[in-house]
PDB file of N, CA and C in Angstrom:
ATOM      1  N   MET A   1     -66.077  -3.365 142.332  1.00  0.00           N
ATOM      2  CA  MET A   1     -66.253  -4.758 142.116  1.00  0.00           C
ATOM      3  C   MET A   1     -67.168  -5.440 142.986  1.00  0.00           C
ATOM      4  N   ASN A   2     -68.010  -6.384 142.521  1.00  0.00           N
ATOM      5  CA  ASN A   2     -68.772  -7.049 143.268  1.00  0.00           C
ATOM      6  C   ASN A   2     -67.882  -7.976 144.340  1.00  0.00           C
ATOM      7  N   LEU A   3     -68.303  -8.054 145.607  1.00  0.00           N
ATOM      8  CA  LEU A   3     -67.598  -8.664 146.661  1.00  0.00           C
ATOM      9  C   LEU A   3     -67.534 -10.344 146.196  1.00  0.00           C
ATOM     10  N   GLU A   4     -68.571 -10.752 145.775  1.00  0.00           N
ATOM     11  CA  GLU A   4     -68.716 -12.237 145.295  1.00  0.00           C
ATOM     12  C   GLU A   4     -67.806 -12.371 144.280  1.00  0.00           C
ATOM     13  N   LEU A   5     -67.528 -11.445 143.252  1.00  0.00           N
ATOM     14  CA  LEU A   5     -66.530 -11.680 142.157  1.00  0.00           C
ATOM     15  C   LEU A   5     -65.160 -11.618 142.613  1.00  0.00           C
ATOM     16  N   LYS A   6     -64.919 -10.852 143.661  1.00  0.00           N
ATOM     17  CA  LYS A   6     -63.442 -10.926 144.185  1.00  0.00           C
ATOM     18  C   LYS A   6     -63.138 -12.377 144.770  1.00  0.00           C
ATOM     19  N   GLN A   7     -64.088 -12.884 145.327  1.00  0.00           N
ATOM     20  CA  GLN A   7     -63.724 -14.322 145.829  1.00  0.00           C
ATOM     21  C   GLN A   7     -64.487 -15.365 144.874  1.00  0.00           C
ATOM     22  N   TRP A   8     -64.312 -15.324 143.591  1.00  0.00           N
ATOM     23  CA  TRP A   8     -65.108 -16.112 142.756  1.00  0.00           C
ATOM     24  C   TRP A   8     -64.922 -17.653 143.101  1.00  0.00           C
ATOM     25  N   HIS A   9     -63.712 -18.001 143.482  1.00  0.00           N
ATOM     26  CA  HIS A   9     -63.364 -19.348 143.738  1.00  0.00           C
ATOM     27  C   HIS A   9     -64.236 -19.915 144.752  1.00  0.00           C
ATOM     28  N   ALA A  10     -64.824 -19.248 145.635  1.00  0.00           N
ATOM     29  CA  ALA A  10     -65.594 -19.638 146.781  1.00  0.00           C
ATOM     30  C   ALA A  10     -67.067 -19.637 146.442  1.00  0.00           C
ATOM     31  N   ASN A  11     -67.460 -19.238 145.223  1.00  0.00           N
ATOM     32  CA  ASN A  11     -68.843 -19.195 144.966  1.00  0.00           C
ATOM     33  C   ASN A  11     -69.431 -20.297 144.208  1.00  0.00           C
ATOM     34  N   GLU A  12     -70.695 -20.412 144.121  1.00  0.00           N
ATOM     35  CA  GLU A  12     -71.308 -21.424 143.321  1.00  0.00           C
ATOM     36  C   GLU A  12     -71.015 -21.170 141.809  1.00  0.00           C
ATOM     37  N   MET A  13     -70.948 -22.054 141.005  1.00  0.00           N
ATOM     38  CA  MET A  13     -70.834 -21.860 139.564  1.00  0.00           C
ATOM     39  C   MET A  13     -71.785 -20.884 138.886  1.00  0.00           C
ATOM     40  N   GLU A  14     -73.022 -20.926 139.235  1.00  0.00           N
ATOM     41  CA  GLU A  14     -74.066 -20.075 138.724  1.00  0.00           C
ATOM     42  C   GLU A  14     -73.734 -18.529 139.198  1.00  0.00           C
ATOM     43  N   VAL A  15     -73.271 -18.337 140.344  1.00  0.00           N
ATOM     44  CA  VAL A  15     -72.891 -17.054 140.746  1.00  0.00           C
ATOM     45  C   VAL A  15     -71.862 -16.394 139.840  1.00  0.00           C
ATOM     46  N   VAL A  16     -70.835 -17.288 139.683  1.00  0.00           N
ATOM     47  CA  VAL A  16     -69.646 -16.861 138.923  1.00  0.00           C
ATOM     48  C   VAL A  16     -70.059 -16.504 137.440  1.00  0.00           C
ATOM     49  N   LEU A  17     -70.896 -17.434 136.842  1.00  0.00           N
ATOM     50  CA  LEU A  17     -71.281 -17.153 135.528  1.00  0.00           C
ATOM     51  C   LEU A  17     -72.044 -15.936 135.378  1.00  0.00           C
ATOM     52  N   ARG A  18     -73.019 -15.743 136.376  1.00  0.00           N
ATOM     53  CA  ARG A  18     -73.938 -14.465 136.391  1.00  0.00           C
ATOM     54  C   ARG A  18     -73.134 -13.293 136.419  1.00  0.00           C
ATOM     55  N   ASP A  19     -72.104 -13.245 137.475  1.00  0.00           N
ATOM     56  CA  ASP A  19     -71.357 -12.048 137.834  1.00  0.00           C
ATOM     57  C   ASP A  19     -70.277 -11.741 136.566  1.00  0.00           C
ATOM     58  N   THR A  20     -69.871 -12.725 135.977  1.00  0.00           N
ATOM     59  CA  THR A  20     -68.951 -12.484 134.631  1.00  0.00           C
ATOM     60  C   THR A  20     -69.630 -12.276 133.463  1.00  0.00           C
ATOM     61  N   GLY A  21     -70.872 -12.573 133.412  1.00  0.00           N
ATOM     62  CA  GLY A  21     -71.662 -12.350 132.175  1.00  0.00           C
ATOM     63  C   GLY A  21     -71.445 -13.513 131.219  1.00  0.00           C
ATOM     64  N   SER A  22     -71.124 -14.638 131.665  1.00  0.00           N
ATOM     65  CA  SER A  22     -70.809 -15.829 130.858  1.00  0.00           C
ATOM     66  C   SER A  22     -71.846 -16.843 131.021  1.00  0.00           C
ATOM     67  N   SER A  23     -71.572 -17.888 130.431  1.00  0.00           N
ATOM     68  CA  SER A  23     -72.497 -19.100 130.425  1.00  0.00           C
ATOM     69  C   SER A  23     -71.838 -20.408 130.372  1.00  0.00           C
ATOM     70  N   MET A  24     -72.479 -21.552 130.534  1.00  0.00           N
ATOM     71  CA  MET A  24     -71.887 -22.824 130.326  1.00  0.00           C
ATOM     72  C   MET A  24     -71.201 -22.949 129.067  1.00  0.00           C
ATOM     73  N   ASN A  25     -71.721 -22.331 128.060  1.00  0.00           N
ATOM     74  CA  ASN A  25     -71.178 -22.397 126.716  1.00  0.00           C
ATOM     75  C   ASN A  25     -70.053 -21.395 126.482  1.00  0.00           C
ATOM     76  N   GLY A  26     -69.720 -20.630 127.414  1.00  0.00           N
ATOM     77  CA  GLY A  26     -68.589 -19.596 127.262  1.00  0.00           C
ATOM     78  C   GLY A  26     -69.279 -18.467 126.617  1.00  0.00           C
ATOM     79  N   LEU A  27     -68.476 -17.521 126.193  1.00  0.00           N
ATOM     80  CA  LEU A  27     -68.703 -16.174 125.590  1.00  0.00           C
ATOM     81  C   LEU A  27     -69.095 -16.422 124.073  1.00  0.00           C
ATOM     82  N   THR A  28     -70.001 -15.611 123.592  1.00  0.00           N
ATOM     83  CA  THR A  28     -70.086 -15.625 122.137  1.00  0.00           C
ATOM     84  C   THR A  28     -69.038 -14.920 121.539  1.00  0.00           C
ATOM     85  N   SER A  29     -68.825 -15.090 120.132  1.00  0.00           N
ATOM     86  CA  SER A  29     -67.705 -14.434 119.508  1.00  0.00           C
ATOM     87  C   SER A  29     -67.789 -12.959 119.685  1.00  0.00           C
ATOM     88  N   ALA A  30     -68.892 -12.386 119.587  1.00  0.00           N
ATOM     89  CA  ALA A  30     -69.201 -10.983 119.691  1.00  0.00           C
ATOM     90  C   ALA A  30     -68.724 -10.412 120.985  1.00  0.00           C
ATOM     91  N   ASP A  31     -69.172 -11.234 122.099  1.00  0.00           N
ATOM     92  CA  ASP A  31     -68.757 -10.823 123.437  1.00  0.00           C
ATOM     93  C   ASP A  31     -67.172 -11.053 123.688  1.00  0.00           C
ATOM     94  N   ALA A  32     -66.610 -11.939 123.058  1.00  0.00           N
ATOM     95  CA  ALA A  32     -65.150 -12.155 123.158  1.00  0.00           C
ATOM     96  C   ALA A  32     -64.453 -10.915 122.456  1.00  0.00           C
ATOM     97  N   LYS A  33     -64.963 -10.613 121.313  1.00  0.00           N
ATOM     98  CA  LYS A  33     -64.173  -9.466 120.678  1.00  0.00           C
ATOM     99  C   LYS A  33     -64.390  -8.254 121.327  1.00  0.00           C
ATOM    100  N   LYS A  34     -65.570  -7.993 121.998  1.00  0.00           N
ATOM    101  CA  LYS A  34     -65.910  -6.768 122.657  1.00  0.00           C
ATOM    102  C   LYS A  34     -64.911  -6.571 123.873  1.00  0.00           C
ATOM    103  N   ARG A  35     -64.838  -7.861 124.587  1.00  0.00           N
ATOM    104  CA  ARG A  35     -63.962  -7.853 125.802  1.00  0.00           C
ATOM    105  C   ARG A  35     -62.492  -7.697 125.440  1.00  0.00           C
ATOM    106  N   LEU A  36     -62.072  -8.305 124.402  1.00  0.00           N
ATOM    107  CA  LEU A  36     -60.719  -8.187 123.830  1.00  0.00           C
ATOM    108  C   LEU A  36     -60.391  -6.670 123.662  1.00  0.00           C
ATOM    109  N   LEU A  37     -61.269  -5.879 122.951  1.00  0.00           N
ATOM    110  CA  LEU A  37     -61.021  -4.542 122.707  1.00  0.00           C
ATOM    111  C   LEU A  37     -61.097  -3.745 123.982  1.00  0.00           C
ATOM    112  N   GLU A  38     -62.086  -4.041 124.953  1.00  0.00           N
ATOM    113  CA  GLU A  38     -62.116  -3.356 126.109  1.00  0.00           C
ATOM    114  C   GLU A  38     -60.995  -3.492 127.159  1.00  0.00           C
ATOM    115  N   TYR A  39     -60.623  -4.803 127.377  1.00  0.00           N
ATOM    116  CA  TYR A  39     -59.566  -5.071 128.358  1.00  0.00           C
ATOM    117  C   TYR A  39     -58.244  -5.625 127.842  1.00  0.00           C
ATOM    118  N   GLY A  40     -58.151  -5.933 126.499  1.00  0.00           N
ATOM    119  CA  GLY A  40     -56.852  -6.278 125.959  1.00  0.00           C
ATOM    120  C   GLY A  40     -56.761  -7.625 126.108  1.00  0.00           C
ATOM    121  N   GLY A  41     -55.656  -8.369 125.444  1.00  0.00           N
ATOM    122  CA  GLY A  41     -55.334  -9.648 125.535  1.00  0.00           C
ATOM    123  C   GLY A  41     -54.819 -10.167 126.826  1.00  0.00           C
ATOM    124  N   ASN A  42     -54.831 -11.512 127.032  1.00  0.00           N
ATOM    125  CA  ASN A  42     -54.200 -12.049 128.132  1.00  0.00           C
ATOM    126  C   ASN A  42     -52.681 -11.934 128.181  1.00  0.00           C
ATOM    127  N   LYS A  43     -52.267 -11.785 129.263  1.00  0.00           N
ATOM    128  CA  LYS A  43     -50.811 -11.560 129.482  1.00  0.00           C
ATOM    129  C   LYS A  43     -50.242 -12.605 130.416  1.00  0.00           C
TER     130      LYS A  43
END
């Protein structure tokens, strides 16, 4: 895992969005479905 991502709370917003593959608009529906299948639901 990227060291910057491990300490996401200490990074600039742009870095967190880049490292998580997200954007200011959030994930697309397709990306959300893909991640749900890959990682499972929130617990």
